[in-house]
C-alpha cells in the first residue's frame, strides 16, 4: 500500500510518499497526486519512506519527469530511501532527476535557512492524505 500526503501552496507542492511504489493502484495514486498540482511551479517528491519500488514505480517516476517538463513544472526528488537511491543509480536515472534533501530544496525555494524543513518558510500548509487500496 502507498500513502500520499500533499502539502502545498500556490507555487510548491510537496508530495510525501509512504509505503510501496509498485505497479497498480499505487502508481496511479502517485500520478494523480502530481498531475493534480498542475498550477504549481515546483513538484517535490519526498521518497524517504518508500520501502519498495518495482519497475512500474520507476516507470512512473520517468513518466512524471516527462509530464512535469512538458508542463513547465520543476520535478525534484528528495530524501530517496536507500532502495530508491540504489535503483536510480543502477539505472543511471540519478543523472536525469534532480535529487537532494528536503531541507536543501526548501532553503533554495525560500532563500533562507529553514530550521523546520517540513514546514520551512511557510511554504507548506495542512497535508492532504491519499492512499492506494
C-alpha atoms as a PDB file:
ATOM      1  CA  UNK A   1       0.000   0.000   0.000  1.00  0.00           C
ATOM      2  CA  UNK A   2       1.129   3.564  -0.728  1.00  0.00           C
ATOM      3  CA  UNK A   3       0.008   6.584   1.259  1.00  0.00           C
ATOM      4  CA  UNK A   4       0.457  10.064  -0.177  1.00  0.00           C
ATOM      5  CA  UNK A   5       0.404  13.331   1.816  1.00  0.00           C
ATOM      6  CA  UNK A   6       0.389  16.533  -0.233  1.00  0.00           C
ATOM      7  CA  UNK A   7       1.462  19.824   1.304  1.00  0.00           C
ATOM      8  CA  UNK A   8       1.144  22.816  -0.980  1.00  0.00           C
ATOM      9  CA  UNK A   9       0.848  26.481  -1.617  1.00  0.00           C
ATOM     10  CA  UNK A  10       0.336  28.219  -4.931  1.00  0.00           C
ATOM     11  CA  UNK A  11       3.893  27.588  -6.157  1.00  0.00           C
ATOM     12  CA  UNK A  12       5.220  24.479  -4.404  1.00  0.00           C
ATOM     13  CA  UNK A  13       3.679  21.070  -3.787  1.00  0.00           C
ATOM     14  CA  UNK A  14       5.495  18.542  -1.619  1.00  0.00           C
ATOM     15  CA  UNK A  15       4.239  15.005  -2.158  1.00  0.00           C
ATOM     16  CA  UNK A  16       5.257  12.693   0.695  1.00  0.00           C
ATOM     17  CA  UNK A  17       5.191   9.013  -0.298  1.00  0.00           C
ATOM     18  CA  UNK A  18       4.978   6.278   2.333  1.00  0.00           C
ATOM     19  CA  UNK A  19       4.935   2.564   1.541  1.00  0.00           C
ATOM     20  CA  UNK A  20       5.334   0.585  -1.659  1.00  0.00           C
ATOM     21  CA  UNK A  21       5.593   2.304  -5.029  1.00  0.00           C
ATOM     22  CA  UNK A  22       4.555  -0.582  -7.260  1.00  0.00           C
ATOM     23  CA  UNK A  23       2.595  -1.223 -10.450  1.00  0.00           C
ATOM     24  CA  UNK A  24      -1.172  -0.918  -9.971  1.00  0.00           C
ATOM     25  CA  UNK A  25      -3.221   1.421  -7.809  1.00  0.00           C
ATOM     26  CA  UNK A  26      -0.104   2.766  -6.052  1.00  0.00           C
ATOM     27  CA  UNK A  27       1.457   4.289  -9.169  1.00  0.00           C
ATOM     28  CA  UNK A  28      -1.940   5.656 -10.182  1.00  0.00           C
ATOM     29  CA  UNK A  29      -2.279   7.366  -6.805  1.00  0.00           C
ATOM     30  CA  UNK A  30       1.142   8.996  -7.137  1.00  0.00           C
ATOM     31  CA  UNK A  31       0.496  10.053 -10.711  1.00  0.00           C
ATOM     32  CA  UNK A  32      -2.864  11.614  -9.786  1.00  0.00           C
ATOM     33  CA  UNK A  33      -1.301  13.433  -6.819  1.00  0.00           C
ATOM     34  CA  UNK A  34       1.347  15.051  -9.035  1.00  0.00           C
ATOM     35  CA  UNK A  35      -0.851  15.736 -12.070  1.00  0.00           C
ATOM     36  CA  UNK A  36      -3.435  17.456  -9.845  1.00  0.00           C
ATOM     37  CA  UNK A  37      -0.725  20.014  -8.930  1.00  0.00           C
ATOM     38  CA  UNK A  38      -0.584  21.417 -12.469  1.00  0.00           C
ATOM     39  CA  UNK A  39      -0.791  25.033 -11.263  1.00  0.00           C
ATOM     40  CA  UNK A  40       2.346  24.779  -9.114  1.00  0.00           C
ATOM     41  CA  UNK A  41       5.823  25.821 -10.164  1.00  0.00           C
ATOM     42  CA  UNK A  42       7.682  23.040  -8.338  1.00  0.00           C
ATOM     43  CA  UNK A  43       6.625  19.468  -7.506  1.00  0.00           C
ATOM     44  CA  UNK A  44       8.745  17.871  -4.797  1.00  0.00           C
ATOM     45  CA  UNK A  45       8.540  14.103  -4.292  1.00  0.00           C
ATOM     46  CA  UNK A  46       9.668  13.061  -0.808  1.00  0.00           C
ATOM     47  CA  UNK A  47      10.679   9.423  -1.235  1.00  0.00           C
ATOM     48  CA  UNK A  48      12.244   8.887   2.199  1.00  0.00           C
ATOM     49  CA  UNK A  49       9.511   6.491   3.341  1.00  0.00           C
ATOM     50  CA  UNK A  50       9.311   4.388   0.159  1.00  0.00           C
ATOM     51  CA  UNK A  51      10.148   0.879   1.361  1.00  0.00           C
ATOM     52  CA  UNK A  52       9.872  -0.886  -2.001  1.00  0.00           C
ATOM     53  CA  UNK A  53       9.698   0.149  -5.647  1.00  0.00           C
ATOM     54  CA  UNK A  54       9.329  -2.055  -8.730  1.00  0.00           C
ATOM     55  CA  UNK A  55       9.757  -1.300 -12.434  1.00  0.00           C
ATOM     56  CA  UNK A  56       6.234   0.144 -12.509  1.00  0.00           C
ATOM     57  CA  UNK A  57       7.218   2.677  -9.839  1.00  0.00           C
ATOM     58  CA  UNK A  58      10.414   3.557 -11.662  1.00  0.00           C
ATOM     59  CA  UNK A  59       8.494   3.949 -14.918  1.00  0.00           C
ATOM     60  CA  UNK A  60       6.030   6.264 -13.161  1.00  0.00           C
ATOM     61  CA  UNK A  61       8.860   8.497 -11.953  1.00  0.00           C
ATOM     62  CA  UNK A  62      10.175   8.746 -15.523  1.00  0.00           C
ATOM     63  CA  UNK A  63       6.661   9.452 -16.819  1.00  0.00           C
ATOM     64  CA  UNK A  64       6.165  12.181 -14.205  1.00  0.00           C
ATOM     65  CA  UNK A  65       9.529  13.665 -15.161  1.00  0.00           C
ATOM     66  CA  UNK A  66       8.330  13.981 -18.771  1.00  0.00           C
ATOM     67  CA  UNK A  67       4.880  15.265 -17.754  1.00  0.00           C
ATOM     68  CA  UNK A  68       6.274  17.971 -15.471  1.00  0.00           C
ATOM     69  CA  UNK A  69       8.840  19.035 -18.082  1.00  0.00           C
ATOM     70  CA  UNK A  70       6.103  19.366 -20.700  1.00  0.00           C
ATOM     71  CA  UNK A  71       4.003  21.484 -18.322  1.00  0.00           C
ATOM     72  CA  UNK A  72       6.766  23.840 -17.170  1.00  0.00           C
ATOM     73  CA  UNK A  73       6.951  22.360 -13.672  1.00  0.00           C
ATOM     74  CA  UNK A  74      10.220  21.522 -11.947  1.00  0.00           C
ATOM     75  CA  UNK A  75      10.265  17.993 -10.502  1.00  0.00           C
ATOM     76  CA  UNK A  76      12.570  17.384  -7.575  1.00  0.00           C
ATOM     77  CA  UNK A  77      13.162  14.077  -5.804  1.00  0.00           C
ATOM     78  CA  UNK A  78      14.146  14.458  -2.161  1.00  0.00           C
ATOM     79  CA  UNK A  79      15.379  12.123   0.523  1.00  0.00           C
ATOM     80  CA  UNK A  80      15.106   8.922  -1.524  1.00  0.00           C
ATOM     81  CA  UNK A  81      15.262   5.827   0.650  1.00  0.00           C
ATOM     82  CA  UNK A  82      18.337   3.670   0.212  1.00  0.00           C
ATOM     83  CA  UNK A  83      16.427   1.253  -2.027  1.00  0.00           C
ATOM     84  CA  UNK A  84      15.136   4.051  -4.276  1.00  0.00           C
ATOM     85  CA  UNK A  85      18.564   5.700  -4.453  1.00  0.00           C
ATOM     86  CA  UNK A  86      20.168   2.360  -5.396  1.00  0.00           C
ATOM     87  CA  UNK A  87      17.582   1.767  -8.151  1.00  0.00           C
ATOM     88  CA  UNK A  88      18.082   5.274  -9.544  1.00  0.00           C
ATOM     89  CA  UNK A  89      21.851   4.778  -9.502  1.00  0.00           C
ATOM     90  CA  UNK A  90      21.759   1.303 -11.113  1.00  0.00           C
ATOM     91  CA  UNK A  91      19.532   2.591 -13.928  1.00  0.00           C
ATOM     92  CA  UNK A  92      21.570   5.815 -14.183  1.00  0.00           C
ATOM     93  CA  UNK A  93      18.404   7.843 -13.651  1.00  0.00           C
ATOM     94  CA  UNK A  94      20.233   9.647 -10.858  1.00  0.00           C
ATOM     95  CA  UNK A  95      21.743  11.640 -13.738  1.00  0.00           C
ATOM     96  CA  UNK A  96      18.276  12.574 -15.034  1.00  0.00           C
ATOM     97  CA  UNK A  97      16.483  13.547 -11.831  1.00  0.00           C
ATOM     98  CA  UNK A  98      17.226  16.470  -9.547  1.00  0.00           C
ATOM     99  CA  UNK A  99      17.866  14.646  -6.235  1.00  0.00           C
ATOM    100  CA  UNK A 100      18.538  16.404  -2.934  1.00  0.00           C
ATOM    101  CA  UNK A 101      17.404  16.685   0.675  1.00  0.00           C
ATOM    102  CA  UNK A 102      14.056  18.285   1.540  1.00  0.00           C
ATOM    103  CA  UNK A 103      15.864  20.880   3.656  1.00  0.00           C
ATOM    104  CA  UNK A 104      18.042  21.863   0.656  1.00  0.00           C
ATOM    105  CA  UNK A 105      15.010  22.276  -1.619  1.00  0.00           C
ATOM    106  CA  UNK A 106      13.121  24.400   0.898  1.00  0.00           C
ATOM    107  CA  UNK A 107      16.201  26.507   1.570  1.00  0.00           C
ATOM    108  CA  UNK A 108      16.632  27.211  -2.141  1.00  0.00           C
ATOM    109  CA  UNK A 109      12.944  27.978  -2.656  1.00  0.00           C
ATOM    110  CA  UNK A 110      12.641  30.245   0.366  1.00  0.00           C
ATOM    111  CA  UNK A 111      16.024  31.950   0.087  1.00  0.00           C
ATOM    112  CA  UNK A 112      16.637  31.471   3.838  1.00  0.00           C
ATOM    113  CA  UNK A 113      17.858  28.741   6.123  1.00  0.00           C
ATOM    114  CA  UNK A 114      14.863  26.614   7.167  1.00  0.00           C
ATOM    115  CA  UNK A 115      15.105  25.355  10.774  1.00  0.00           C
ATOM    116  CA  UNK A 116      11.968  23.250  10.290  1.00  0.00           C
ATOM    117  CA  UNK A 117      12.385  21.537   6.923  1.00  0.00           C
ATOM    118  CA  UNK A 118       8.910  20.035   6.746  1.00  0.00           C
ATOM    119  CA  UNK A 119       7.128  23.389   7.111  1.00  0.00           C
ATOM    120  CA  UNK A 120      10.030  25.619   6.120  1.00  0.00           C
ATOM    121  CA  UNK A 121       9.437  29.296   5.428  1.00  0.00           C
ATOM    122  CA  UNK A 122       5.658  28.931   5.493  1.00  0.00           C
ATOM    123  CA  UNK A 123       5.671  27.199   2.103  1.00  0.00           C
ATOM    124  CA  UNK A 124       3.625  24.277   3.268  1.00  0.00           C
ATOM    125  CA  UNK A 125       0.100  24.120   4.590  1.00  0.00           C
ATOM    126  CA  UNK A 126      -2.023  21.336   6.034  1.00  0.00           C
ATOM    127  CA  UNK A 127      -1.311  17.974   4.409  1.00  0.00           C
ATOM    128  CA  UNK A 128      -3.905  16.117   2.360  1.00  0.00           C
ATOM    129  CA  UNK A 129      -3.725  12.334   2.605  1.00  0.00           C
ATOM    130  CA  UNK A 130      -4.386   9.982  -0.301  1.00  0.00           C
ATOM    131  CA  UNK A 131      -3.998   6.219  -0.215  1.00  0.00           C
ATOM    132  CA  UNK A 132      -3.996   3.444  -2.756  1.00  0.00           C
ATOM    133  CA  UNK A 133      -6.113   0.440  -1.828  1.00  0.00           C
END
